[in-house]
N, C-alpha and C. Protein backbone atom coordinates (compact mmCIF):
# COMPACT_ATOMS: atom_id res chain seq x y z
N MET A 1 -104.88 5.64 271.74
CA MET A 1 -103.95 4.77 271.04
C MET A 1 -103.12 5.60 270.06
N ALA A 2 -101.92 5.13 269.83
CA ALA A 2 -101.01 5.85 268.94
C ALA A 2 -100.17 4.85 268.16
N LEU A 3 -99.77 5.26 266.98
CA LEU A 3 -98.87 4.45 266.19
C LEU A 3 -97.46 4.58 266.75
N ARG A 4 -96.73 3.48 266.81
CA ARG A 4 -95.34 3.48 267.26
C ARG A 4 -94.44 3.30 266.05
N LYS A 5 -93.23 3.85 266.14
CA LYS A 5 -92.24 3.70 265.08
C LYS A 5 -91.67 2.29 265.16
N ILE A 6 -91.63 1.60 264.01
CA ILE A 6 -91.09 0.24 263.97
C ILE A 6 -89.58 0.31 263.79
N VAL A 7 -88.86 -0.38 264.68
CA VAL A 7 -87.40 -0.45 264.65
C VAL A 7 -86.98 -1.35 263.49
N ILE A 8 -85.96 -0.92 262.75
CA ILE A 8 -85.49 -1.65 261.58
C ILE A 8 -84.20 -2.41 261.91
N ARG A 9 -84.05 -3.58 261.29
CA ARG A 9 -82.87 -4.43 261.49
C ARG A 9 -81.59 -3.59 261.42
N GLY A 10 -80.68 -3.91 262.31
CA GLY A 10 -79.46 -3.13 262.43
C GLY A 10 -79.45 -2.37 263.75
N ASP A 11 -80.65 -2.11 264.28
CA ASP A 11 -80.76 -1.47 265.59
C ASP A 11 -80.43 -2.50 266.66
N GLU A 12 -79.56 -2.15 267.56
CA GLU A 12 -79.09 -3.05 268.61
C GLU A 12 -80.21 -3.63 269.47
N ILE A 13 -81.30 -2.89 269.62
CA ILE A 13 -82.39 -3.35 270.50
C ILE A 13 -82.97 -4.68 270.04
N LEU A 14 -82.88 -4.96 268.73
CA LEU A 14 -83.44 -6.21 268.20
C LEU A 14 -82.58 -7.43 268.54
N THR A 15 -81.40 -7.21 269.12
CA THR A 15 -80.49 -8.31 269.43
C THR A 15 -80.45 -8.65 270.92
N LYS A 16 -81.28 -8.00 271.71
CA LYS A 16 -81.23 -8.17 273.16
C LYS A 16 -82.41 -8.97 273.69
N ASN A 17 -82.19 -9.66 274.82
CA ASN A 17 -83.27 -10.37 275.51
C ASN A 17 -84.16 -9.36 276.24
N CYS A 18 -85.45 -9.60 276.18
CA CYS A 18 -86.41 -8.71 276.83
C CYS A 18 -86.64 -9.13 278.29
N LYS A 19 -87.09 -8.19 279.08
CA LYS A 19 -87.36 -8.44 280.50
C LYS A 19 -88.85 -8.78 280.70
N PRO A 20 -89.14 -9.67 281.64
CA PRO A 20 -90.55 -10.01 281.92
C PRO A 20 -91.33 -8.81 282.44
N VAL A 21 -92.63 -8.87 282.21
CA VAL A 21 -93.55 -7.87 282.74
C VAL A 21 -93.95 -8.35 284.13
N SER A 22 -93.76 -7.51 285.13
CA SER A 22 -94.06 -7.93 286.50
C SER A 22 -95.51 -7.64 286.89
N LYS A 23 -96.12 -6.64 286.24
CA LYS A 23 -97.49 -6.24 286.61
C LYS A 23 -98.16 -5.58 285.41
N ILE A 24 -99.45 -5.85 285.25
CA ILE A 24 -100.21 -5.21 284.17
C ILE A 24 -100.62 -3.82 284.66
N THR A 25 -99.93 -2.82 284.14
CA THR A 25 -100.21 -1.43 284.53
C THR A 25 -100.94 -0.73 283.39
N ASP A 26 -101.38 0.48 283.63
CA ASP A 26 -101.99 1.28 282.56
C ASP A 26 -101.00 1.51 281.42
N ARG A 27 -99.72 1.69 281.75
CA ARG A 27 -98.70 1.90 280.72
C ARG A 27 -98.55 0.65 279.84
N ILE A 28 -98.61 -0.52 280.45
CA ILE A 28 -98.52 -1.78 279.69
C ILE A 28 -99.75 -1.90 278.78
N LYS A 29 -100.92 -1.56 279.28
CA LYS A 29 -102.14 -1.63 278.46
C LYS A 29 -102.06 -0.67 277.28
N VAL A 30 -101.56 0.54 277.51
CA VAL A 30 -101.41 1.52 276.43
C VAL A 30 -100.42 0.98 275.40
N LEU A 31 -99.27 0.44 275.88
CA LEU A 31 -98.28 -0.14 274.98
C LEU A 31 -98.90 -1.22 274.10
N CYS A 32 -99.63 -2.14 274.70
CA CYS A 32 -100.24 -3.25 273.96
C CYS A 32 -101.25 -2.75 272.93
N ASN A 33 -102.06 -1.79 273.31
CA ASN A 33 -103.04 -1.24 272.36
C ASN A 33 -102.35 -0.48 271.23
N ASP A 34 -101.27 0.25 271.55
CA ASP A 34 -100.49 0.92 270.51
C ASP A 34 -99.86 -0.10 269.56
N MET A 35 -99.36 -1.20 270.13
CA MET A 35 -98.75 -2.24 269.29
C MET A 35 -99.78 -2.86 268.35
N LEU A 36 -100.99 -3.11 268.86
CA LEU A 36 -102.05 -3.66 268.00
C LEU A 36 -102.36 -2.68 266.86
N GLU A 37 -102.50 -1.41 267.19
CA GLU A 37 -102.79 -0.41 266.16
C GLU A 37 -101.66 -0.32 265.14
N THR A 38 -100.42 -0.35 265.63
CA THR A 38 -99.26 -0.27 264.74
C THR A 38 -99.20 -1.49 263.83
N MET A 39 -99.45 -2.68 264.37
CA MET A 39 -99.46 -3.91 263.58
C MET A 39 -100.51 -3.83 262.48
N ARG A 40 -101.71 -3.39 262.84
CA ARG A 40 -102.79 -3.28 261.84
C ARG A 40 -102.42 -2.29 260.75
N GLU A 41 -101.94 -1.13 261.15
CA GLU A 41 -101.58 -0.08 260.19
C GLU A 41 -100.49 -0.54 259.23
N ALA A 42 -99.54 -1.35 259.73
CA ALA A 42 -98.45 -1.85 258.90
C ALA A 42 -98.85 -3.10 258.13
N ASP A 43 -100.09 -3.56 258.31
CA ASP A 43 -100.62 -4.76 257.66
C ASP A 43 -99.78 -5.98 258.03
N GLY A 44 -99.39 -6.05 259.31
CA GLY A 44 -98.61 -7.18 259.80
C GLY A 44 -99.48 -8.23 260.45
N VAL A 45 -98.87 -9.38 260.72
CA VAL A 45 -99.57 -10.45 261.44
C VAL A 45 -99.04 -10.58 262.86
N GLY A 46 -97.97 -9.86 263.17
CA GLY A 46 -97.43 -9.89 264.52
C GLY A 46 -96.48 -8.73 264.73
N LEU A 47 -96.29 -8.38 266.00
CA LEU A 47 -95.38 -7.30 266.36
C LEU A 47 -94.94 -7.52 267.80
N ALA A 48 -93.63 -7.51 268.02
CA ALA A 48 -93.08 -7.71 269.36
C ALA A 48 -92.62 -6.37 269.93
N ALA A 49 -92.66 -6.28 271.25
CA ALA A 49 -92.30 -5.02 271.92
C ALA A 49 -90.94 -4.46 271.49
N PRO A 50 -89.89 -5.27 271.35
CA PRO A 50 -88.61 -4.67 270.92
C PRO A 50 -88.69 -4.04 269.53
N GLN A 51 -89.64 -4.46 268.72
CA GLN A 51 -89.80 -3.87 267.39
C GLN A 51 -90.33 -2.44 267.46
N VAL A 52 -90.83 -2.04 268.63
CA VAL A 52 -91.24 -0.64 268.83
C VAL A 52 -90.38 0.00 269.91
N GLY A 53 -89.21 -0.60 270.17
CA GLY A 53 -88.24 0.00 271.06
C GLY A 53 -88.44 -0.24 272.54
N VAL A 54 -89.25 -1.24 272.90
CA VAL A 54 -89.54 -1.52 274.31
C VAL A 54 -89.04 -2.91 274.66
N MET A 55 -88.21 -3.00 275.68
CA MET A 55 -87.57 -4.27 276.05
C MET A 55 -88.41 -5.07 277.05
N LYS A 56 -89.64 -5.34 276.72
CA LYS A 56 -90.56 -6.13 277.54
C LYS A 56 -90.95 -7.38 276.79
N ARG A 57 -91.24 -8.46 277.53
CA ARG A 57 -91.62 -9.74 276.93
C ARG A 57 -93.11 -9.70 276.57
N ILE A 58 -93.40 -9.00 275.48
CA ILE A 58 -94.77 -8.84 274.99
C ILE A 58 -94.74 -8.94 273.47
N PHE A 59 -95.71 -9.65 272.93
CA PHE A 59 -95.98 -9.52 271.49
C PHE A 59 -97.47 -9.59 271.26
N VAL A 60 -97.87 -9.01 270.14
CA VAL A 60 -99.27 -9.06 269.71
C VAL A 60 -99.29 -9.75 268.36
N CYS A 61 -100.40 -10.40 268.04
CA CYS A 61 -100.46 -11.09 266.76
C CYS A 61 -101.89 -11.36 266.35
N ARG A 62 -102.04 -11.63 265.08
CA ARG A 62 -103.29 -12.13 264.50
C ARG A 62 -102.90 -13.23 263.51
N PRO A 63 -102.53 -14.38 264.07
CA PRO A 63 -101.87 -15.42 263.27
C PRO A 63 -102.80 -16.34 262.49
N GLU A 64 -104.09 -16.29 262.75
CA GLU A 64 -105.02 -17.23 262.12
C GLU A 64 -105.61 -16.59 260.87
N LEU A 65 -105.07 -16.97 259.71
CA LEU A 65 -105.49 -16.34 258.45
C LEU A 65 -106.98 -16.53 258.18
N GLU A 66 -107.54 -17.66 258.64
CA GLU A 66 -108.97 -17.90 258.43
C GLU A 66 -109.83 -17.10 259.40
N ASN A 67 -109.22 -16.50 260.40
CA ASN A 67 -109.92 -15.67 261.40
C ASN A 67 -109.03 -14.47 261.72
N PHE A 68 -108.74 -13.67 260.69
CA PHE A 68 -107.74 -12.61 260.77
C PHE A 68 -108.10 -11.50 261.77
N ASP A 69 -109.37 -11.39 262.11
CA ASP A 69 -109.78 -10.36 263.08
C ASP A 69 -109.45 -10.77 264.52
N GLN A 70 -109.17 -12.04 264.75
CA GLN A 70 -108.83 -12.52 266.09
C GLN A 70 -107.41 -12.08 266.43
N GLU A 71 -107.29 -11.20 267.41
CA GLU A 71 -105.99 -10.70 267.82
C GLU A 71 -105.64 -11.20 269.22
N TYR A 72 -104.36 -11.43 269.44
CA TYR A 72 -103.88 -11.93 270.72
C TYR A 72 -102.84 -10.96 271.28
N VAL A 73 -102.87 -10.79 272.58
CA VAL A 73 -101.81 -10.09 273.31
C VAL A 73 -101.15 -11.14 274.18
N MET A 74 -99.86 -11.37 273.96
CA MET A 74 -99.11 -12.38 274.69
C MET A 74 -98.07 -11.69 275.57
N ILE A 75 -98.27 -11.77 276.88
CA ILE A 75 -97.37 -11.16 277.84
C ILE A 75 -96.62 -12.27 278.57
N ASN A 76 -95.31 -12.14 278.64
CA ASN A 76 -94.44 -13.17 279.24
C ASN A 76 -94.71 -14.56 278.66
N PRO A 77 -94.75 -14.68 277.33
CA PRO A 77 -95.04 -15.99 276.74
C PRO A 77 -93.95 -17.00 277.05
N GLU A 78 -94.38 -18.24 277.17
CA GLU A 78 -93.46 -19.35 277.44
C GLU A 78 -93.87 -20.50 276.53
N ILE A 79 -92.95 -20.91 275.67
CA ILE A 79 -93.22 -22.05 274.80
C ILE A 79 -93.20 -23.30 275.66
N VAL A 80 -94.32 -24.03 275.69
CA VAL A 80 -94.46 -25.21 276.52
C VAL A 80 -94.06 -26.47 275.73
N GLU A 81 -94.46 -26.50 274.46
CA GLU A 81 -94.21 -27.70 273.65
C GLU A 81 -94.22 -27.33 272.18
N THR A 82 -93.38 -28.01 271.42
CA THR A 82 -93.43 -27.90 269.96
C THR A 82 -93.48 -29.31 269.40
N GLU A 83 -94.02 -29.41 268.19
CA GLU A 83 -94.16 -30.72 267.57
C GLU A 83 -94.04 -30.58 266.06
N GLY A 84 -93.37 -31.54 265.43
CA GLY A 84 -93.27 -31.57 263.98
C GLY A 84 -92.35 -30.51 263.42
N GLU A 85 -92.37 -30.42 262.09
CA GLU A 85 -91.53 -29.45 261.41
C GLU A 85 -92.21 -29.04 260.11
N GLN A 86 -92.03 -27.79 259.73
CA GLN A 86 -92.57 -27.29 258.47
C GLN A 86 -91.61 -26.27 257.87
N GLU A 87 -91.66 -26.15 256.56
CA GLU A 87 -90.90 -25.11 255.86
C GLU A 87 -91.71 -23.82 255.97
N SER A 88 -91.01 -22.73 256.18
CA SER A 88 -91.68 -21.47 256.40
C SER A 88 -91.01 -20.37 255.58
N ALA A 89 -91.82 -19.58 254.88
CA ALA A 89 -91.33 -18.38 254.21
C ALA A 89 -91.79 -17.21 255.07
N GLU A 90 -90.84 -16.44 255.59
CA GLU A 90 -91.17 -15.40 256.55
C GLU A 90 -90.66 -14.04 256.13
N GLY A 91 -91.46 -13.05 256.44
CA GLY A 91 -91.07 -11.65 256.33
C GLY A 91 -91.16 -11.04 257.71
N CYS A 92 -90.79 -9.78 257.82
CA CYS A 92 -90.80 -9.13 259.12
C CYS A 92 -90.92 -7.62 258.92
N LEU A 93 -91.72 -7.00 259.77
CA LEU A 93 -91.88 -5.55 259.70
C LEU A 93 -90.57 -4.83 259.99
N SER A 94 -89.65 -5.46 260.71
CA SER A 94 -88.34 -4.87 261.01
C SER A 94 -87.29 -5.18 259.94
N VAL A 95 -87.66 -5.99 258.96
CA VAL A 95 -86.73 -6.35 257.87
C VAL A 95 -87.48 -6.18 256.55
N PRO A 96 -87.86 -4.94 256.22
CA PRO A 96 -88.68 -4.75 255.01
C PRO A 96 -87.92 -5.11 253.74
N GLY A 97 -88.65 -5.71 252.79
CA GLY A 97 -88.08 -6.01 251.49
C GLY A 97 -87.39 -7.35 251.38
N TYR A 98 -87.49 -8.20 252.42
CA TYR A 98 -86.81 -9.49 252.40
C TYR A 98 -87.75 -10.60 252.86
N ILE A 99 -87.49 -11.81 252.36
CA ILE A 99 -88.21 -13.03 252.75
C ILE A 99 -87.16 -14.09 253.07
N GLY A 100 -87.35 -14.80 254.17
CA GLY A 100 -86.41 -15.85 254.55
C GLY A 100 -87.08 -17.20 254.59
N MET A 101 -86.32 -18.23 254.30
CA MET A 101 -86.80 -19.61 254.35
C MET A 101 -86.25 -20.25 255.62
N LEU A 102 -87.16 -20.77 256.45
CA LEU A 102 -86.80 -21.36 257.74
C LEU A 102 -87.53 -22.67 257.95
N LYS A 103 -87.05 -23.42 258.91
CA LYS A 103 -87.80 -24.58 259.41
C LYS A 103 -88.36 -24.17 260.77
N ARG A 104 -89.65 -24.40 260.95
CA ARG A 104 -90.34 -24.07 262.19
C ARG A 104 -91.16 -25.27 262.63
N PRO A 105 -91.55 -25.33 263.90
CA PRO A 105 -92.43 -26.40 264.35
C PRO A 105 -93.80 -26.31 263.65
N GLU A 106 -94.41 -27.46 263.41
CA GLU A 106 -95.76 -27.52 262.82
C GLU A 106 -96.81 -27.11 263.85
N ARG A 107 -96.56 -27.46 265.11
CA ARG A 107 -97.49 -27.13 266.20
C ARG A 107 -96.71 -26.51 267.36
N VAL A 108 -97.35 -25.59 268.04
CA VAL A 108 -96.72 -24.99 269.21
C VAL A 108 -97.78 -24.75 270.28
N THR A 109 -97.41 -25.05 271.51
CA THR A 109 -98.25 -24.76 272.67
C THR A 109 -97.49 -23.75 273.52
N LEU A 110 -98.18 -22.70 273.93
CA LEU A 110 -97.53 -21.73 274.79
C LEU A 110 -98.48 -21.25 275.88
N LYS A 111 -97.88 -20.75 276.96
CA LYS A 111 -98.62 -20.10 278.02
C LYS A 111 -98.25 -18.64 277.98
N ALA A 112 -99.24 -17.78 278.20
CA ALA A 112 -98.98 -16.35 278.23
C ALA A 112 -100.05 -15.65 279.05
N MET A 113 -99.69 -14.50 279.56
CA MET A 113 -100.63 -13.68 280.30
C MET A 113 -101.34 -12.76 279.32
N ASN A 114 -102.63 -12.52 279.56
CA ASN A 114 -103.37 -11.57 278.73
C ASN A 114 -103.45 -10.22 279.46
N LEU A 115 -104.14 -9.26 278.87
CA LEU A 115 -104.23 -7.92 279.47
C LEU A 115 -105.02 -7.89 280.78
N ASP A 116 -105.77 -8.94 281.05
CA ASP A 116 -106.50 -9.03 282.32
C ASP A 116 -105.66 -9.69 283.41
N GLY A 117 -104.43 -10.04 283.07
CA GLY A 117 -103.54 -10.67 284.04
C GLY A 117 -103.75 -12.17 284.19
N GLU A 118 -104.58 -12.75 283.32
CA GLU A 118 -104.85 -14.20 283.37
C GLU A 118 -103.80 -14.93 282.53
N ILE A 119 -103.30 -16.03 283.08
CA ILE A 119 -102.39 -16.87 282.31
C ILE A 119 -103.21 -17.94 281.60
N LYS A 120 -103.07 -17.98 280.29
CA LYS A 120 -103.83 -18.92 279.48
C LYS A 120 -102.87 -19.77 278.66
N GLU A 121 -103.36 -20.93 278.24
CA GLU A 121 -102.57 -21.79 277.37
C GLU A 121 -103.20 -21.77 275.99
N TYR A 122 -102.37 -21.68 274.97
CA TYR A 122 -102.81 -21.59 273.58
C TYR A 122 -102.11 -22.66 272.76
N GLU A 123 -102.79 -23.13 271.73
CA GLU A 123 -102.18 -24.08 270.80
C GLU A 123 -102.41 -23.58 269.39
N PHE A 124 -101.33 -23.56 268.61
CA PHE A 124 -101.40 -23.08 267.23
C PHE A 124 -100.71 -24.09 266.33
N SER A 125 -101.13 -24.14 265.07
CA SER A 125 -100.48 -25.02 264.10
C SER A 125 -100.35 -24.31 262.76
N GLY A 126 -99.52 -24.87 261.90
CA GLY A 126 -99.32 -24.32 260.57
C GLY A 126 -98.75 -22.92 260.61
N PHE A 127 -99.33 -22.04 259.78
CA PHE A 127 -98.86 -20.66 259.70
C PHE A 127 -98.91 -19.97 261.05
N ALA A 128 -99.95 -20.23 261.83
CA ALA A 128 -100.09 -19.59 263.14
C ALA A 128 -98.93 -19.98 264.06
N ALA A 129 -98.49 -21.24 264.01
CA ALA A 129 -97.34 -21.67 264.82
C ALA A 129 -96.08 -20.93 264.39
N THR A 130 -95.91 -20.75 263.09
CA THR A 130 -94.77 -20.00 262.57
C THR A 130 -94.78 -18.58 263.12
N CYS A 131 -95.94 -17.95 263.08
CA CYS A 131 -96.08 -16.58 263.57
C CYS A 131 -95.70 -16.49 265.05
N ILE A 132 -96.20 -17.41 265.85
CA ILE A 132 -95.91 -17.41 267.29
C ILE A 132 -94.41 -17.56 267.53
N MET A 133 -93.77 -18.49 266.85
CA MET A 133 -92.34 -18.72 267.04
C MET A 133 -91.53 -17.50 266.59
N HIS A 134 -91.93 -16.89 265.48
CA HIS A 134 -91.25 -15.71 264.95
C HIS A 134 -91.29 -14.57 265.97
N GLU A 135 -92.49 -14.29 266.49
CA GLU A 135 -92.62 -13.19 267.45
C GLU A 135 -91.91 -13.51 268.76
N ASN A 136 -92.00 -14.74 269.20
CA ASN A 136 -91.32 -15.13 270.44
C ASN A 136 -89.79 -14.99 270.28
N ASP A 137 -89.28 -15.31 269.10
CA ASP A 137 -87.84 -15.14 268.84
C ASP A 137 -87.41 -13.69 269.10
N HIS A 138 -88.24 -12.73 268.68
CA HIS A 138 -87.89 -11.32 268.90
C HIS A 138 -87.64 -11.03 270.37
N LEU A 139 -88.37 -11.68 271.25
CA LEU A 139 -88.23 -11.43 272.69
C LEU A 139 -86.90 -11.97 273.22
N ASN A 140 -86.28 -12.84 272.44
CA ASN A 140 -84.99 -13.44 272.80
C ASN A 140 -83.84 -12.86 271.98
N GLY A 141 -84.08 -11.73 271.32
CA GLY A 141 -83.04 -11.08 270.54
C GLY A 141 -82.71 -11.74 269.22
N ILE A 142 -83.65 -12.52 268.70
CA ILE A 142 -83.42 -13.24 267.44
C ILE A 142 -84.33 -12.67 266.36
N VAL A 143 -83.71 -12.26 265.25
CA VAL A 143 -84.45 -11.83 264.06
C VAL A 143 -84.37 -12.99 263.07
N TYR A 144 -85.44 -13.25 262.33
CA TYR A 144 -85.48 -14.45 261.48
C TYR A 144 -84.30 -14.55 260.53
N THR A 145 -83.74 -13.42 260.11
CA THR A 145 -82.59 -13.47 259.19
C THR A 145 -81.36 -14.09 259.86
N ASP A 146 -81.34 -14.10 261.19
CA ASP A 146 -80.22 -14.72 261.94
C ASP A 146 -80.24 -16.24 261.82
N VAL A 147 -81.41 -16.82 261.61
CA VAL A 147 -81.55 -18.28 261.62
C VAL A 147 -82.09 -18.86 260.31
N ALA A 148 -82.33 -18.01 259.34
CA ALA A 148 -82.89 -18.46 258.06
C ALA A 148 -81.87 -19.28 257.28
N GLU A 149 -82.37 -20.27 256.55
CA GLU A 149 -81.52 -21.07 255.67
C GLU A 149 -81.14 -20.26 254.43
N GLU A 150 -82.08 -19.48 253.94
CA GLU A 150 -81.88 -18.62 252.78
C GLU A 150 -82.64 -17.33 253.02
N VAL A 151 -82.11 -16.22 252.51
CA VAL A 151 -82.81 -14.93 252.57
C VAL A 151 -82.81 -14.34 251.16
N TYR A 152 -83.98 -13.92 250.72
CA TYR A 152 -84.15 -13.35 249.38
C TYR A 152 -84.76 -11.97 249.48
N THR A 153 -84.51 -11.15 248.46
CA THR A 153 -85.27 -9.90 248.38
C THR A 153 -86.70 -10.29 248.01
N THR A 154 -87.62 -9.43 248.27
CA THR A 154 -89.02 -9.71 247.92
C THR A 154 -89.14 -9.98 246.42
N GLU A 155 -88.39 -9.22 245.61
CA GLU A 155 -88.44 -9.40 244.16
C GLU A 155 -87.94 -10.79 243.77
N GLN A 156 -86.79 -11.22 244.36
CA GLN A 156 -86.26 -12.55 244.07
C GLN A 156 -87.26 -13.64 244.45
N TYR A 157 -87.86 -13.48 245.63
CA TYR A 157 -88.82 -14.47 246.10
C TYR A 157 -90.02 -14.54 245.17
N ASN A 158 -90.56 -13.38 244.78
CA ASN A 158 -91.72 -13.36 243.88
C ASN A 158 -91.39 -13.99 242.53
N GLU A 159 -90.18 -13.76 242.02
CA GLU A 159 -89.76 -14.39 240.76
C GLU A 159 -89.70 -15.90 240.90
N MET A 160 -89.14 -16.38 242.03
CA MET A 160 -89.07 -17.83 242.28
C MET A 160 -90.46 -18.43 242.33
N MET A 161 -91.39 -17.78 243.02
CA MET A 161 -92.75 -18.30 243.14
C MET A 161 -93.46 -18.30 241.79
N ALA A 162 -93.20 -17.29 240.97
CA ALA A 162 -93.79 -17.25 239.63
C ALA A 162 -93.26 -18.41 238.78
N GLU A 163 -91.96 -18.71 238.89
CA GLU A 163 -91.38 -19.84 238.17
C GLU A 163 -91.98 -21.16 238.63
N VAL A 164 -92.14 -21.31 239.94
CA VAL A 164 -92.74 -22.54 240.50
C VAL A 164 -94.17 -22.68 239.98
N ALA A 165 -94.93 -21.60 239.99
CA ALA A 165 -96.32 -21.64 239.50
C ALA A 165 -96.36 -22.02 238.02
N GLU A 166 -95.42 -21.46 237.24
CA GLU A 166 -95.36 -21.76 235.81
C GLU A 166 -95.02 -23.23 235.58
N GLU A 167 -94.03 -23.75 236.35
CA GLU A 167 -93.66 -25.16 236.23
C GLU A 167 -94.82 -26.07 236.60
N ASN A 168 -95.53 -25.70 237.65
CA ASN A 168 -96.69 -26.51 238.07
C ASN A 168 -97.77 -26.49 237.00
N THR A 169 -97.98 -25.34 236.38
CA THR A 169 -98.98 -25.24 235.32
C THR A 169 -98.57 -26.11 234.13
N GLU A 170 -97.26 -26.07 233.76
CA GLU A 170 -96.78 -26.90 232.66
C GLU A 170 -96.95 -28.38 232.98
N GLU A 171 -96.63 -28.78 234.21
CA GLU A 171 -96.77 -30.18 234.62
C GLU A 171 -98.24 -30.60 234.61
N GLU A 172 -99.11 -29.71 235.09
CA GLU A 172 -100.55 -30.02 235.08
C GLU A 172 -101.04 -30.19 233.65
N THR A 173 -100.57 -29.31 232.75
CA THR A 173 -100.98 -29.40 231.35
C THR A 173 -100.49 -30.70 230.73
N LYS A 174 -99.23 -31.07 230.99
CA LYS A 174 -98.69 -32.33 230.48
C LYS A 174 -99.50 -33.51 231.03
N CYS A 175 -99.81 -33.47 232.29
CA CYS A 175 -100.57 -34.54 232.92
C CYS A 175 -101.98 -34.64 232.31
N GLU A 176 -102.62 -33.48 232.11
CA GLU A 176 -103.96 -33.48 231.52
C GLU A 176 -103.92 -34.04 230.10
N LEU A 177 -102.91 -33.64 229.32
CA LEU A 177 -102.78 -34.16 227.95
C LEU A 177 -102.56 -35.66 227.95
N TYR A 178 -101.74 -36.16 228.88
CA TYR A 178 -101.49 -37.58 229.00
C TYR A 178 -102.78 -38.33 229.33
N ILE A 179 -103.53 -37.81 230.28
CA ILE A 179 -104.81 -38.45 230.66
C ILE A 179 -105.78 -38.45 229.49
N TRP A 180 -105.89 -37.31 228.78
CA TRP A 180 -106.78 -37.26 227.62
C TRP A 180 -106.34 -38.26 226.56
N GLY A 181 -105.02 -38.38 226.38
CA GLY A 181 -104.51 -39.35 225.41
C GLY A 181 -104.88 -40.77 225.80
N LEU A 182 -104.75 -41.11 227.09
CA LEU A 182 -105.14 -42.44 227.56
C LEU A 182 -106.64 -42.68 227.38
N LEU A 183 -107.43 -41.68 227.71
CA LEU A 183 -108.89 -41.82 227.55
C LEU A 183 -109.25 -42.04 226.10
N ASN A 184 -108.61 -41.29 225.19
CA ASN A 184 -108.87 -41.46 223.76
C ASN A 184 -108.51 -42.87 223.31
N LEU A 185 -107.37 -43.40 223.78
CA LEU A 185 -106.98 -44.77 223.43
C LEU A 185 -108.00 -45.77 223.93
N LEU A 186 -108.45 -45.59 225.17
CA LEU A 186 -109.43 -46.51 225.74
C LEU A 186 -110.74 -46.52 224.96
N PHE A 187 -111.19 -45.36 224.56
CA PHE A 187 -112.49 -45.27 223.91
C PHE A 187 -112.43 -45.56 222.42
N GLN A 188 -111.23 -45.66 221.86
CA GLN A 188 -111.10 -46.00 220.46
C GLN A 188 -111.24 -47.50 220.24
N HIS A 189 -111.03 -48.28 221.27
CA HIS A 189 -111.08 -49.74 221.10
C HIS A 189 -112.40 -50.33 221.47
């Protein structure tokens, strides 16, 4: 296994549709294992073949935060069904230093081939569904910044989240004080 160089936004390869894999060969297996190693090393949750300069319909991911060691290899993935909608804050190994706000399906069902050549059906929800849609977009020449409602630098995003946390803390404190005040009134009578 070897680490692959991650392609950065601006490279034309990220804007092109990928070609299906016709057969699971030793080269495809090496590519998939290299992609898994590269994803882990970069501390990512997903990585698509065009992100390492290969125009094949393959992505790897570990989208389940509660089971982060579970890794998937998705070859020739096909989105079968989507359901619902959720707000998503997304980053990308090919777009370092930025976070985008998008709407993604809450649930996604897809079919994909694994490294053994078996076609399986998978269902993901929440963050995992976002991850699947994000990686699948790469195979269609779409980078999240192309479809994001807003794009922030990591610093801007972190500042916004700190403000939201501070506002929530202030609201919680006001609410707690109000409740204590009501309790004191009740017990005084």
